[in-house]
Amino acid sequence: MGFPGDDGRLPVIYVRGFAGTGSAINNAVDDPFYGFSQGSVHVRADGNGRAKFHQFESPMLRLVSDHKYEVPVHGDQWAFLNSVDSGSVNPASVWIHRFYDDSADTFGEEGESFSFEDAARDLFGLIKLVLNKTGAPKVFLVAHSMGGLICRSLLQRVIPETLAGEEGTIDPAAGARYVARVFTYATPHGGIRFAVGFGLLEKIRDVLGVQGADIFGPDRMYDYLTPPALRRTRTREAFVGTQMPDDGFPLDELFCLVGSNPGDYDVALGLSSKAVGARSDGLVQIDNAAVQGAPLAVVHRSHSGRYGIVNSEEGYQNLQRFLFGDLKIEVELAGFTVGKAAPPEVEFQLDVGLAIRGLPVMVHEQSAAHFCPVQIEHWREGDPIDSPLPLLTTFLSSKAPRPRVGGREVPRLRHALRLRLMSIREKEGHFFFDDHLEQTEDWQDTLVVDIEPPGRDGPLPKAWAAWNSAISTAVRDWNPEDKDQLTDIDNTPSRWRGHIAVPEFARDLLGPNAGINLTVTPRTLLL
């Protein structure tokens, strides 16, 4: 096994989402892995909208096959852990936080009422037991939906309160002593709101606690996310669910995967997705599915089901790159002065997609068609857009197997950033189509980037980039030349940054200094 954690494989603890009551809880408990072992055979990859066959085993099986993880259940994971010696279990192991078991009535006894707070406290107990038996310094937490809120309650309240000093002194960052990284699928970090009812549905839910769903309202969220000892300064009035304390768990170690497909979420015969609205995954609105300041990706997946976000290739690829990736890639727009010659009622939106060589899916996709494009600030005289606009953050692993091309393993990591700028007239909340050409972009191009991971000759990577409009061959046949190599424009010794200007023909529209900033930072586990 080696020294626990020395190869980046820490224990993974999976925390599932909300099951409601009754039969839904029984169904959850009947699954030995609480849903983490569920795969799929559908993928939305056809340009004509037809569903294509794609066999995705499940995130758990992929951790086993790709990263050699073990799943040591042996009839009862708690009994197994309590029966073995400290430090004897492989740290590269997967564990399930089975917090619903006592609430099921399939074992011949009446189930207990589910308690969110107990679930968060019990998670801390499981973490400590896993660390003791594996000898690992920390764990990875992987959570779906409500499970992400349980993880946040653990980090923001349970651990800080449990480890409080003799005088009640709270360390908001105490959770980082036990947890290395947290990955959330479709978690309602900002709660669950409805696009209908003008707030009445939320009030009824929160007052009556329908099936325990009040945990997604702001009052209950404030309670389980805020230690009482800190409430004098962190008041309910100032509470925002999508914000985590600046002095708490490091945001760089939290990743939020956001779904944008409400149409395939068929819970309650589709009524849920209709109530939450189009800009959602069918249950969680896009704006509420991420913590402010944390890395995120948007994928066209629903909250659960056949096209669910957990049992998807997109979800797993983001998961493994965040947990094990040793390169952090940040992409931002710089120098754009879009709309300089356009009337103020013209709005600009940017579709953004990220593809990685060797993968059959996009790992990030924001588009107007999915109601989540990047809104581009309108350039106005005297108010230039001079600050870079973050587009996305992703992660790559220099140790991951590379594709073989022509019988040889490729030496570099390649990804493609697809950009598509569109505009439309909007005035007083209405669109005007007099001069509009539907689905016709003002500009589109794809930036192809090759990254050579750090090697023996230095601690920083090298990078090459070219716009697809300037590549004369098929993209798969592109071989970067010296002119395509990017210069490091950042003097910081611990990171690399390059700038790629947009093609010359696009500068009248986008701005004379418009381009893409690409920042690559080597990344290590904080153990």
Protein backbone atom coordinates (compact mmCIF):
# COMPACT_ATOMS: atom_id res chain seq x y z
CA MET A 1 0.00 0.00 0.00
CA GLY A 2 2.84 2.39 0.70
CA PHE A 3 2.50 5.33 3.04
CA PRO A 4 -1.20 6.22 3.22
CA GLY A 5 -1.94 9.11 0.91
CA ASP A 6 1.51 9.25 -0.67
CA ASP A 7 0.05 8.43 -4.10
CA GLY A 8 -2.94 10.76 -3.75
CA ARG A 9 -5.45 7.96 -3.10
CA LEU A 10 -7.20 8.84 0.13
CA PRO A 11 -10.32 7.03 1.40
CA VAL A 12 -13.49 8.13 -0.41
CA ILE A 13 -16.67 8.49 1.65
CA TYR A 14 -19.88 8.82 -0.35
CA VAL A 15 -22.84 10.76 1.07
CA ARG A 16 -26.14 10.34 -0.77
CA GLY A 17 -29.01 12.75 -1.23
CA PHE A 18 -32.52 13.27 0.14
CA ALA A 19 -34.93 10.32 0.09
CA GLY A 20 -37.96 11.87 1.79
CA THR A 21 -39.87 9.30 3.81
CA GLY A 22 -41.39 5.81 3.67
CA SER A 23 -40.78 3.72 0.59
CA ALA A 24 -38.15 6.11 -0.79
CA ILE A 25 -36.01 5.58 2.31
CA ASN A 26 -36.56 1.81 2.09
CA ASN A 27 -35.45 1.83 -1.54
CA ALA A 28 -32.32 3.78 -0.63
CA VAL A 29 -31.45 1.41 2.20
CA ASP A 30 -32.01 -1.63 -0.03
CA ASP A 31 -29.12 -0.48 -2.23
CA PRO A 32 -25.81 -1.65 -0.64
CA PHE A 33 -24.07 1.44 -2.01
CA TYR A 34 -26.81 4.07 -1.66
CA GLY A 35 -26.77 4.81 -5.41
CA PHE A 36 -23.03 5.24 -5.88
CA SER A 37 -22.87 1.96 -7.84
CA GLN A 38 -25.60 2.86 -10.33
CA GLY A 39 -24.49 3.25 -13.92
CA SER A 40 -26.21 4.17 -17.18
CA VAL A 41 -26.29 3.33 -20.87
CA HIS A 42 -27.52 6.66 -22.27
CA VAL A 43 -25.46 9.69 -23.19
CA ARG A 44 -26.58 12.91 -24.83
CA ALA A 45 -23.93 13.18 -27.50
CA ASP A 46 -25.86 13.26 -30.80
CA GLY A 47 -26.02 16.57 -32.65
CA ASN A 48 -29.57 15.76 -33.76
CA GLY A 49 -30.79 15.24 -30.20
CA ARG A 50 -30.95 11.46 -30.39
CA ALA A 51 -29.84 9.58 -27.29
CA LYS A 52 -26.82 7.41 -27.99
CA PHE A 53 -25.71 4.23 -26.27
CA HIS A 54 -22.79 4.73 -23.90
CA GLN A 55 -22.08 2.20 -21.18
CA PHE A 56 -21.02 3.96 -18.01
CA GLU A 57 -20.31 1.46 -15.26
CA SER A 58 -20.78 3.76 -12.24
CA PRO A 59 -18.48 6.14 -10.38
CA MET A 60 -17.64 3.45 -7.82
CA LEU A 61 -16.64 0.82 -10.38
CA ARG A 62 -14.58 3.39 -12.26
CA LEU A 63 -12.66 4.23 -9.08
CA VAL A 64 -12.00 0.51 -8.72
CA SER A 65 -10.90 -0.01 -12.33
CA ASP A 66 -9.11 3.29 -12.99
CA HIS A 67 -7.53 3.96 -9.60
CA LYS A 68 -7.42 0.49 -8.01
CA TYR A 69 -9.74 1.34 -5.13
CA GLU A 70 -11.22 -1.38 -2.92
CA VAL A 71 -14.77 -1.59 -1.52
CA PRO A 72 -14.35 -3.61 1.71
CA VAL A 73 -17.95 -4.12 2.84
CA HIS A 74 -17.78 -7.76 4.07
CA GLY A 75 -21.43 -7.84 5.11
CA ASP A 76 -21.36 -4.69 7.25
CA GLN A 77 -18.77 -1.99 6.75
CA TRP A 78 -19.09 -0.72 10.35
CA ALA A 79 -18.69 -4.20 11.79
CA PHE A 80 -15.75 -4.83 9.49
CA LEU A 81 -14.00 -1.60 10.46
CA ASN A 82 -14.50 -2.28 14.16
CA SER A 83 -13.09 -5.80 13.82
CA VAL A 84 -9.75 -5.00 12.16
CA ASP A 85 -6.53 -3.56 13.51
CA SER A 86 -5.66 0.11 13.22
CA GLY A 87 -3.74 0.90 10.06
CA SER A 88 -4.52 -2.47 8.46
CA VAL A 89 -7.05 -1.37 5.80
CA ASN A 90 -6.08 -0.10 2.36
CA PRO A 91 -6.46 3.72 2.34
CA ALA A 92 -7.50 3.48 -1.33
CA SER A 93 -10.97 2.38 -0.31
CA VAL A 94 -14.61 3.47 -0.78
CA TRP A 95 -17.06 3.80 2.13
CA ILE A 96 -20.76 4.64 2.21
CA HIS A 97 -22.27 6.89 4.88
CA ARG A 98 -25.47 4.87 5.50
CA PHE A 99 -27.35 7.48 7.53
CA TYR A 100 -30.83 6.32 6.43
CA ASP A 101 -30.56 2.74 7.74
CA ASP A 102 -32.23 3.40 11.10
CA SER A 103 -35.11 5.15 9.33
CA ALA A 104 -36.06 2.11 7.21
CA ASP A 105 -38.84 -0.24 8.32
CA THR A 106 -37.73 -3.26 6.27
CA PHE A 107 -35.84 -4.89 9.14
CA GLY A 108 -38.93 -5.77 11.16
CA GLU A 109 -38.91 -2.64 13.32
CA GLU A 110 -40.51 0.75 13.01
CA GLY A 111 -38.04 3.16 11.50
CA GLU A 112 -36.74 6.13 13.45
CA SER A 113 -37.30 9.67 12.24
CA PHE A 114 -34.47 10.92 10.06
CA SER A 115 -32.33 13.62 11.66
CA PHE A 116 -30.15 15.81 9.47
CA GLU A 117 -28.00 16.82 12.43
CA ASP A 118 -27.46 13.19 13.46
CA ALA A 119 -26.42 12.37 9.91
CA ALA A 120 -23.74 15.09 10.04
CA ARG A 121 -22.48 13.97 13.46
CA ASP A 122 -22.42 10.32 12.42
CA LEU A 123 -20.41 11.24 9.34
CA PHE A 124 -17.70 12.61 11.63
CA GLY A 125 -17.72 9.31 13.52
CA LEU A 126 -17.30 7.36 10.27
CA ILE A 127 -14.45 9.62 9.14
CA LYS A 128 -12.54 9.11 12.38
CA LEU A 129 -13.05 5.33 12.22
CA VAL A 130 -11.90 5.14 8.59
CA LEU A 131 -8.83 7.25 9.32
CA ASN A 132 -7.94 5.07 12.28
CA LYS A 133 -8.27 1.79 10.40
CA THR A 134 -6.55 2.95 7.20
CA GLY A 135 -3.88 5.16 8.71
CA ALA A 136 -4.72 7.80 6.12
CA PRO A 137 -4.24 11.44 7.13
CA LYS A 138 -7.51 12.69 5.59
CA VAL A 139 -10.48 11.59 3.47
CA PHE A 140 -12.22 12.66 0.29
CA LEU A 141 -15.96 13.36 0.57
CA VAL A 142 -18.14 12.78 -2.50
CA ALA A 143 -21.75 13.87 -2.10
CA HIS A 144 -24.96 14.04 -4.10
CA SER A 145 -27.68 16.65 -3.50
CA MET A 146 -28.53 16.88 0.23
CA GLY A 147 -25.37 14.91 0.96
CA GLY A 148 -23.37 18.02 0.10
CA LEU A 149 -25.24 19.97 2.79
CA ILE A 150 -24.49 17.19 5.30
CA CYS A 151 -20.81 17.59 4.38
CA ARG A 152 -21.02 21.35 4.82
CA SER A 153 -22.73 20.95 8.20
CA LEU A 154 -19.90 18.64 9.19
CA LEU A 155 -17.25 21.15 8.11
CA GLN A 156 -18.93 24.39 9.18
CA ARG A 157 -20.52 23.31 12.45
CA VAL A 158 -19.99 19.71 13.68
CA ILE A 159 -16.20 19.52 13.60
CA PRO A 160 -15.57 23.12 14.75
CA GLU A 161 -17.96 22.62 17.70
CA THR A 162 -16.55 19.20 18.59
CA LEU A 163 -13.00 20.55 18.60
CA ALA A 164 -13.82 23.82 20.37
CA GLY A 165 -11.32 24.98 22.98
CA GLU A 166 -11.94 24.95 26.72
CA GLU A 167 -13.39 28.45 26.54
CA GLY A 168 -15.57 27.54 23.59
CA THR A 169 -13.17 28.98 21.03
CA ILE A 170 -14.20 27.91 17.53
CA ASP A 171 -11.80 27.23 14.66
CA PRO A 172 -13.95 27.52 11.51
CA ALA A 173 -11.28 25.70 9.48
CA ALA A 174 -11.04 22.69 11.81
CA GLY A 175 -12.72 20.43 9.24
CA ALA A 176 -9.64 20.63 7.04
CA ARG A 177 -7.79 18.52 9.61
CA TYR A 178 -9.89 15.52 8.55
CA VAL A 179 -11.12 16.26 5.03
CA ALA A 180 -8.82 16.92 2.09
CA ARG A 181 -11.33 17.58 -0.69
CA VAL A 182 -15.11 17.67 -1.20
CA PHE A 183 -16.90 17.02 -4.49
CA THR A 184 -20.63 17.77 -4.70
CA TYR A 185 -23.05 16.64 -7.41
CA ALA A 186 -26.14 18.86 -7.78
CA THR A 187 -26.12 20.04 -4.18
CA PRO A 188 -28.61 22.84 -3.32
CA HIS A 189 -25.95 24.99 -1.66
CA GLY A 190 -28.33 27.93 -1.82
CA GLY A 191 -31.36 25.89 -0.86
CA ILE A 192 -34.25 24.92 -3.12
CA ARG A 193 -36.48 27.65 -4.50
CA PHE A 194 -39.40 27.50 -6.92
CA ALA A 195 -40.01 29.50 -10.07
CA VAL A 196 -43.74 29.54 -9.32
CA GLY A 197 -45.82 30.57 -6.32
CA PHE A 198 -44.06 33.88 -5.57
CA GLY A 199 -42.37 32.34 -2.50
CA LEU A 200 -45.55 30.83 -1.03
CA LEU A 201 -44.50 27.23 -1.73
CA GLU A 202 -41.23 27.75 0.13
CA LYS A 203 -43.03 29.25 3.12
CA ILE A 204 -45.46 26.31 3.32
CA ARG A 205 -42.58 23.83 3.04
CA ASP A 206 -40.51 25.55 5.71
CA VAL A 207 -43.37 26.05 8.19
CA LEU A 208 -44.87 22.58 7.86
CA GLY A 209 -41.59 20.73 7.27
CA VAL A 210 -43.22 18.61 4.55
CA GLN A 211 -41.36 15.25 4.58
CA GLY A 212 -38.44 17.01 6.22
CA ALA A 213 -37.85 19.21 3.16
CA ASP A 214 -37.53 22.33 5.36
CA ILE A 215 -33.80 21.47 5.50
CA PHE A 216 -33.60 23.22 2.11
CA GLY A 217 -34.99 26.49 3.49
CA PRO A 218 -32.79 29.36 4.74
CA ASP A 219 -33.77 29.15 8.43
CA ARG A 220 -32.86 25.49 8.83
CA MET A 221 -29.76 25.91 6.68
CA TYR A 222 -28.54 28.77 8.86
CA ASP A 223 -29.09 26.59 11.92
CA TYR A 224 -27.11 23.54 10.82
CA LEU A 225 -24.38 25.51 9.04
CA THR A 226 -23.65 28.09 11.76
CA PRO A 227 -22.24 27.22 15.22
CA PRO A 228 -24.23 29.01 17.96
CA ALA A 229 -20.98 30.38 19.37
CA LEU A 230 -20.49 32.39 16.15
CA ARG A 231 -24.04 33.63 15.60
CA ARG A 232 -23.46 36.98 17.25
CA THR A 233 -21.28 38.02 14.34
CA ARG A 234 -22.66 35.63 11.68
CA THR A 235 -26.30 36.61 11.89
CA ARG A 236 -29.32 35.12 10.21
CA GLU A 237 -29.92 38.39 8.35
CA ALA A 238 -26.47 38.22 6.75
CA PHE A 239 -26.68 34.49 5.96
CA VAL A 240 -26.37 33.45 2.31
CA GLY A 241 -26.46 29.73 1.66
CA THR A 242 -24.08 29.81 -1.28
CA GLN A 243 -21.39 31.50 0.82
CA MET A 244 -18.95 29.68 3.09
CA PRO A 245 -16.86 31.49 5.72
CA ASP A 246 -13.62 32.99 4.41
CA ASP A 247 -11.78 31.55 7.40
CA GLY A 248 -13.31 28.09 7.06
CA PHE A 249 -12.69 25.07 4.84
CA PRO A 250 -10.58 26.19 1.82
CA LEU A 251 -12.80 26.83 -1.19
CA ASP A 252 -10.14 25.57 -3.61
CA GLU A 253 -10.68 22.10 -2.14
CA LEU A 254 -14.45 22.12 -2.82
CA PHE A 255 -15.80 21.38 -6.31
CA CYS A 256 -19.43 21.87 -7.35
CA LEU A 257 -20.84 19.99 -10.32
CA VAL A 258 -23.97 21.74 -11.62
CA GLY A 259 -26.68 20.17 -13.78
CA SER A 260 -28.58 22.07 -16.49
CA ASN A 261 -31.09 19.49 -17.76
CA PRO A 262 -34.52 19.77 -16.09
CA GLY A 263 -36.40 18.03 -18.89
CA ASP A 264 -35.27 14.51 -17.97
CA TYR A 265 -36.03 14.80 -14.25
CA ASP A 266 -39.31 12.88 -14.04
CA VAL A 267 -39.88 12.82 -10.27
CA ALA A 268 -43.52 13.54 -9.40
CA LEU A 269 -44.44 13.09 -13.07
CA GLY A 270 -42.30 16.05 -14.00
CA LEU A 271 -44.05 18.49 -11.67
CA SER A 272 -40.84 19.14 -9.74
CA SER A 273 -38.96 20.37 -12.79
CA LYS A 274 -41.89 22.57 -13.78
CA ALA A 275 -42.04 24.11 -10.31
CA VAL A 276 -38.30 24.75 -10.09
CA GLY A 277 -38.05 26.13 -13.62
CA ALA A 278 -36.03 25.71 -16.79
CA ARG A 279 -32.78 27.10 -15.38
CA SER A 280 -32.17 24.04 -13.20
CA ASP A 281 -31.43 20.32 -13.14
CA GLY A 282 -35.09 19.63 -12.39
CA LEU A 283 -34.77 20.12 -8.63
CA VAL A 284 -31.93 22.56 -7.95
CA GLN A 285 -31.69 25.87 -9.73
CA ILE A 286 -28.33 26.52 -11.39
CA ASP A 287 -27.65 29.65 -9.33
CA ASN A 288 -28.11 27.66 -6.09
CA ALA A 289 -26.00 24.64 -7.05
CA ALA A 290 -22.54 26.05 -6.31
CA VAL A 291 -20.65 27.78 -3.52
CA GLN A 292 -19.40 31.22 -4.45
CA GLY A 293 -15.68 31.18 -5.16
CA ALA A 294 -15.39 27.39 -5.42
CA PRO A 295 -14.40 25.65 -8.68
CA LEU A 296 -17.41 24.41 -10.64
CA ALA A 297 -18.46 22.81 -13.89
CA VAL A 298 -21.85 22.81 -15.62
CA VAL A 299 -22.97 19.68 -17.47
CA HIS A 300 -26.23 18.96 -19.29
CA ARG A 301 -27.50 16.36 -16.83
CA SER A 302 -30.59 16.12 -14.65
CA HIS A 303 -30.66 15.82 -10.88
CA SER A 304 -31.11 12.04 -11.07
CA GLY A 305 -32.59 9.35 -13.29
CA ARG A 306 -31.56 7.95 -16.66
CA TYR A 307 -29.69 11.14 -17.51
CA GLY A 308 -28.72 11.79 -13.91
CA ILE A 309 -25.62 13.70 -12.96
CA VAL A 310 -24.10 11.05 -10.64
CA ASN A 311 -24.40 8.14 -13.05
CA SER A 312 -22.79 10.04 -15.92
CA GLU A 313 -19.44 10.07 -17.69
CA GLU A 314 -19.34 13.87 -17.32
CA GLY A 315 -19.72 13.57 -13.56
CA TYR A 316 -17.02 10.95 -13.15
CA GLN A 317 -14.50 12.74 -15.36
CA ASN A 318 -14.86 15.93 -13.32
CA LEU A 319 -14.71 13.88 -10.11
CA GLN A 320 -11.49 12.03 -10.84
CA ARG A 321 -9.71 15.11 -12.17
CA PHE A 322 -10.61 17.13 -9.10
CA LEU A 323 -9.66 14.42 -6.60
CA PHE A 324 -6.44 13.28 -8.27
CA GLY A 325 -5.45 16.07 -10.66
CA ASP A 326 -2.10 17.73 -10.06
CA LEU A 327 -2.63 20.68 -12.43
CA LYS A 328 -5.24 23.39 -11.89
CA ILE A 329 -6.31 25.13 -15.12
CA GLU A 330 -8.01 28.53 -14.96
CA VAL A 331 -9.44 30.20 -18.06
CA GLU A 332 -10.60 33.81 -18.29
CA LEU A 333 -11.58 36.40 -20.88
CA ALA A 334 -9.32 39.44 -21.02
CA GLY A 335 -9.54 42.77 -22.85
CA PHE A 336 -13.00 42.22 -24.35
CA THR A 337 -14.84 45.40 -25.39
CA VAL A 338 -17.84 43.71 -26.94
CA GLY A 339 -20.70 45.99 -27.93
CA LYS A 340 -18.63 49.14 -28.32
CA ALA A 341 -20.52 50.07 -31.49
CA ALA A 342 -23.83 48.45 -30.56
CA PRO A 343 -26.94 50.14 -29.10
CA PRO A 344 -27.36 49.67 -25.33
CA GLU A 345 -30.37 47.36 -25.76
CA VAL A 346 -28.22 44.74 -27.53
CA GLU A 347 -27.20 41.96 -25.13
CA PHE A 348 -24.29 39.58 -25.68
CA GLN A 349 -24.12 35.99 -24.48
CA LEU A 350 -21.26 33.51 -24.75
CA ASP A 351 -21.64 29.76 -25.07
CA VAL A 352 -18.67 27.97 -23.50
CA GLY A 353 -17.72 24.31 -23.82
CA LEU A 354 -14.67 22.36 -22.72
CA ALA A 355 -13.55 19.08 -24.28
CA ILE A 356 -10.57 16.95 -23.22
CA ARG A 357 -8.83 14.62 -25.65
CA GLY A 358 -9.94 11.03 -25.31
CA LEU A 359 -13.30 11.72 -23.66
CA PRO A 360 -16.70 11.15 -25.34
CA VAL A 361 -18.39 14.00 -23.43
CA MET A 362 -17.96 17.68 -22.62
CA VAL A 363 -16.67 18.24 -19.10
CA HIS A 364 -18.14 21.76 -18.98
CA GLU A 365 -20.95 23.23 -21.06
CA GLN A 366 -22.75 26.54 -20.66
CA SER A 367 -25.09 27.60 -23.43
CA ALA A 368 -28.11 29.72 -24.21
CA ALA A 369 -29.92 26.54 -25.28
CA HIS A 370 -29.54 25.24 -21.71
CA PHE A 371 -30.44 28.62 -20.17
CA CYS A 372 -26.97 29.19 -18.71
CA PRO A 373 -24.72 31.14 -21.11
CA VAL A 374 -22.00 33.43 -19.82
CA GLN A 375 -23.38 36.97 -19.80
CA ILE A 376 -20.91 39.37 -21.38
CA GLU A 377 -20.85 42.85 -19.92
CA HIS A 378 -21.80 45.50 -22.45
CA TRP A 379 -18.92 47.87 -23.19
CA ARG A 380 -19.84 51.48 -22.51
CA GLU A 381 -17.91 54.67 -23.15
CA GLY A 382 -16.07 55.66 -20.00
CA ASP A 383 -16.69 52.26 -18.42
CA PRO A 384 -14.28 49.86 -20.14
CA ILE A 385 -14.25 46.16 -19.37
CA ASP A 386 -10.69 46.06 -18.10
CA SER A 387 -10.84 43.23 -15.57
CA PRO A 388 -10.58 39.60 -16.70
CA LEU A 389 -13.80 37.58 -16.62
CA PRO A 390 -13.36 34.06 -15.21
CA LEU A 391 -14.79 31.43 -17.56
CA LEU A 392 -14.00 28.11 -15.93
CA THR A 393 -11.65 26.10 -13.76
CA THR A 394 -10.73 22.52 -14.49
CA PHE A 395 -8.10 20.03 -13.42
CA LEU A 396 -5.75 17.72 -15.28
CA SER A 397 -3.56 14.87 -14.12
CA SER A 398 -0.04 14.51 -15.47
CA LYS A 399 -0.11 10.89 -14.25
CA ALA A 400 -3.28 9.89 -16.08
CA PRO A 401 -2.93 7.44 -18.99
CA ARG A 402 -2.51 9.27 -22.30
CA PRO A 403 -4.26 8.38 -25.55
CA ARG A 404 -2.23 6.49 -28.14
CA VAL A 405 -2.01 8.08 -31.57
CA GLY A 406 -0.24 6.22 -34.34
CA GLY A 407 0.79 3.55 -31.87
CA ARG A 408 2.56 6.01 -29.55
CA GLU A 409 1.40 7.63 -26.34
CA VAL A 410 0.91 11.37 -26.83
CA PRO A 411 3.30 13.46 -24.70
CA ARG A 412 0.93 16.33 -23.92
CA LEU A 413 -2.48 16.97 -22.42
CA ARG A 414 -4.85 18.47 -25.00
CA HIS A 415 -8.15 20.21 -24.48
CA ALA A 416 -10.36 22.45 -26.58
CA LEU A 417 -12.26 25.54 -25.46
CA ARG A 418 -15.29 26.19 -27.66
CA LEU A 419 -16.61 29.78 -27.66
CA ARG A 420 -19.71 31.08 -29.41
CA LEU A 421 -20.84 34.70 -29.07
CA MET A 422 -24.42 35.67 -29.86
CA SER A 423 -26.42 38.87 -29.45
CA ILE A 424 -30.06 39.86 -29.28
CA ARG A 425 -32.04 43.02 -28.69
CA GLU A 426 -33.78 43.21 -25.34
CA LYS A 427 -35.76 46.17 -24.05
CA GLU A 428 -38.03 46.38 -21.01
CA GLY A 429 -37.92 42.62 -20.58
CA HIS A 430 -38.89 41.77 -24.18
CA PHE A 431 -36.84 40.40 -27.08
CA PHE A 432 -36.98 42.01 -30.53
CA PHE A 433 -36.25 39.87 -33.57
CA ASP A 434 -36.46 42.38 -36.46
CA ASP A 435 -32.76 42.09 -37.32
CA HIS A 436 -32.17 38.73 -35.64
CA LEU A 437 -30.92 35.50 -37.22
CA GLU A 438 -31.74 32.64 -34.85
CA GLN A 439 -28.83 30.35 -33.89
CA THR A 440 -26.45 32.48 -35.94
CA GLU A 441 -23.47 33.60 -33.92
CA ASP A 442 -21.61 36.88 -34.21
CA TRP A 443 -18.36 34.99 -33.64
CA GLN A 444 -17.34 31.47 -32.86
CA ASP A 445 -14.04 29.65 -32.62
CA THR A 446 -12.33 26.88 -30.70
CA LEU A 447 -9.05 27.32 -28.87
CA VAL A 448 -6.98 24.13 -28.96
CA VAL A 449 -4.43 23.93 -26.14
CA ASP A 450 -1.63 21.46 -25.51
CA ILE A 451 -0.09 21.36 -22.04
CA GLU A 452 3.17 19.60 -21.25
CA PRO A 453 3.24 18.80 -17.52
CA PRO A 454 6.21 19.90 -15.38
CA GLY A 455 9.26 17.71 -15.90
CA ARG A 456 12.83 17.35 -14.80
CA ASP A 457 13.83 20.63 -16.44
CA GLY A 458 11.53 22.75 -14.27
CA PRO A 459 8.58 22.89 -11.87
CA LEU A 460 6.20 24.61 -14.31
CA PRO A 461 4.41 23.32 -17.40
CA LYS A 462 4.75 24.41 -21.01
CA ALA A 463 1.84 25.18 -23.29
CA TRP A 464 0.98 25.60 -26.97
CA ALA A 465 -2.26 27.02 -28.36
CA ALA A 466 -3.93 27.84 -31.66
CA TRP A 467 -7.39 28.86 -32.78
CA ASN A 468 -9.16 26.22 -34.84
CA SER A 469 -9.84 28.84 -37.54
CA ALA A 470 -6.06 29.01 -38.07
CA ILE A 471 -5.45 25.25 -38.08
CA SER A 472 -5.36 23.99 -41.66
CA THR A 473 -5.54 20.30 -40.80
CA ALA A 474 -7.99 18.14 -38.90
CA VAL A 475 -7.64 18.99 -35.23
CA ARG A 476 -6.49 15.45 -34.38
CA ASP A 477 -3.59 15.92 -36.84
CA TRP A 478 -2.47 19.31 -35.50
CA ASN A 479 1.16 19.36 -34.40
CA PRO A 480 2.05 22.59 -32.56
CA GLU A 481 4.93 24.60 -33.95
CA ASP A 482 7.35 26.94 -32.20
CA LYS A 483 5.11 29.90 -33.07
CA ASP A 484 2.27 28.25 -31.13
CA GLN A 485 4.21 28.01 -27.87
CA LEU A 486 2.96 30.42 -25.23
CA THR A 487 5.24 32.64 -23.21
CA ASP A 488 4.94 32.62 -19.43
CA ILE A 489 3.84 36.17 -18.55
CA ASP A 490 3.65 35.57 -14.78
CA ASN A 491 6.75 36.05 -12.67
CA THR A 492 5.27 34.05 -9.79
CA PRO A 493 7.51 31.00 -9.44
CA SER A 494 4.66 28.66 -8.43
CA ARG A 495 2.44 29.10 -11.50
CA TRP A 496 2.44 29.61 -15.24
CA ARG A 497 0.28 32.02 -17.22
CA GLY A 498 -0.09 32.64 -20.94
CA HIS A 499 -2.21 34.96 -23.10
CA ILE A 500 -3.71 34.04 -26.46
CA ALA A 501 -5.05 36.93 -28.54
CA VAL A 502 -8.23 36.35 -30.50
CA PRO A 503 -7.79 36.05 -34.29
CA GLU A 504 -7.14 39.37 -35.96
CA PHE A 505 -10.38 39.29 -37.97
CA ALA A 506 -12.40 39.17 -34.72
CA ARG A 507 -10.78 42.12 -32.98
CA ASP A 508 -13.11 44.78 -34.40
CA LEU A 509 -15.98 42.99 -32.66
CA LEU A 510 -14.29 41.65 -29.55
CA GLY A 511 -11.72 44.36 -28.90
CA PRO A 512 -8.18 45.14 -30.11
CA ASN A 513 -6.68 43.52 -27.00
CA ALA A 514 -9.22 40.73 -26.59
CA GLY A 515 -7.90 37.31 -25.73
CA ILE A 516 -7.85 34.36 -23.37
CA ASN A 517 -5.74 34.13 -20.23
CA LEU A 518 -4.68 30.60 -19.35
CA THR A 519 -3.21 29.92 -15.90
CA VAL A 520 -1.74 26.56 -14.90
CA THR A 521 -0.86 25.93 -11.27
CA PRO A 522 0.77 22.76 -9.93
CA ARG A 523 -1.43 21.30 -7.20
CA THR A 524 -0.72 19.06 -4.23
CA LEU A 525 -2.77 17.52 -1.46
CA LEU A 526 -2.66 19.43 1.82
CA LEU A 527 -2.06 16.57 4.26
